[in-house]
Amino acid sequence: MRPKNKTATLLSKINTTQNKIVMKTMFLCLFLSISFAFISEKTGWLEIDWKIIFIPALLVLQIIIIGTALKNRYKKH
């Protein structure tokens, strides 16, 4: 039996508490990176290459993924 709305089922799988925390952390990191780059560019304090502005958010995502994998691997049964 196929579900009527695939989008609703996909969103219900994505919309968990753990995923909300990860997304909020990534958005916060991205916001801080963009605001730091914008302020640095306007004040002339530091030259920022706008192509690499997403690297901190990706690093945070990798740390969260690795931490979750290690936590699940060494979980006591």
Protein backbone atom coordinates (compact mmCIF):
# COMPACT_ATOMS: atom_id res chain seq x y z
CA MET A 1 0.00 0.00 0.00
CA ARG A 2 1.49 3.32 -1.08
CA PRO A 3 1.14 6.47 1.01
CA LYS A 4 -1.03 9.17 -0.49
CA ASN A 5 1.36 12.01 0.05
CA LYS A 6 5.07 11.22 -0.21
CA THR A 7 6.06 14.72 0.80
CA ALA A 8 4.20 14.46 4.11
CA THR A 9 5.85 11.16 4.95
CA LEU A 10 9.28 12.52 4.04
CA LEU A 11 8.76 15.61 6.17
CA SER A 12 7.59 13.54 9.11
CA LYS A 13 10.82 11.52 8.94
CA ILE A 14 12.96 14.66 8.68
CA ASN A 15 11.07 16.64 11.33
CA THR A 16 12.53 14.99 14.44
CA THR A 17 13.91 16.66 17.54
CA GLN A 18 17.50 15.68 16.77
CA ASN A 19 17.25 17.02 13.21
CA LYS A 20 15.77 20.29 14.43
CA ILE A 21 18.75 20.78 16.75
CA VAL A 22 21.20 20.04 13.94
CA MET A 23 19.47 22.43 11.55
CA LYS A 24 19.33 25.22 14.14
CA THR A 25 23.04 24.73 14.88
CA MET A 26 23.93 24.87 11.19
CA PHE A 27 21.82 27.97 10.60
CA LEU A 28 23.38 29.68 13.62
CA CYS A 29 26.88 28.86 12.39
CA LEU A 30 26.03 30.04 8.89
CA PHE A 31 24.51 33.27 10.23
CA LEU A 32 27.57 33.96 12.37
CA SER A 33 29.90 33.29 9.44
CA ILE A 34 27.99 35.59 7.10
CA SER A 35 27.70 38.37 9.67
CA PHE A 36 31.42 38.14 10.52
CA ALA A 37 32.33 38.25 6.83
CA PHE A 38 29.96 41.15 6.16
CA ILE A 39 31.26 43.22 9.08
CA SER A 40 34.87 42.47 8.17
CA GLU A 41 34.24 43.46 4.57
CA LYS A 42 32.54 46.73 5.52
CA THR A 43 35.18 47.78 8.04
CA GLY A 44 38.09 46.70 5.84
CA TRP A 45 39.56 44.70 8.70
CA LEU A 46 39.86 41.46 6.78
CA GLU A 47 39.43 40.42 3.16
CA ILE A 48 36.91 37.57 2.94
CA ASP A 49 36.50 35.27 -0.03
CA TRP A 50 32.73 34.82 -0.23
CA LYS A 51 33.09 31.41 -1.89
CA ILE A 52 34.33 29.81 1.33
CA ILE A 53 31.70 31.29 3.64
CA PHE A 54 29.86 27.94 3.97
CA ILE A 55 32.86 25.98 5.27
CA PRO A 56 32.20 26.60 9.01
CA ALA A 57 28.62 25.32 8.70
CA LEU A 58 29.86 22.22 6.89
CA LEU A 59 32.47 21.62 9.58
CA VAL A 60 29.81 21.84 12.28
CA LEU A 61 27.67 19.34 10.35
CA GLN A 62 30.61 16.94 10.06
CA ILE A 63 31.33 17.20 13.78
CA ILE A 64 27.69 16.48 14.61
CA ILE A 65 27.57 13.49 12.24
CA ILE A 66 30.82 12.01 13.58
CA GLY A 67 29.78 12.60 17.19
CA THR A 68 26.41 10.92 16.62
CA ALA A 69 28.04 7.97 14.86
CA LEU A 70 30.52 7.46 17.68
CA LYS A 71 27.79 7.79 20.30
CA ASN A 72 25.66 5.18 18.53
CA ARG A 73 28.62 2.84 18.03
CA TYR A 74 29.65 2.78 21.68
CA LYS A 75 26.14 2.84 23.11
CA LYS A 76 25.66 0.41 26.00
CA HIS A 77 23.04 -2.23 25.34
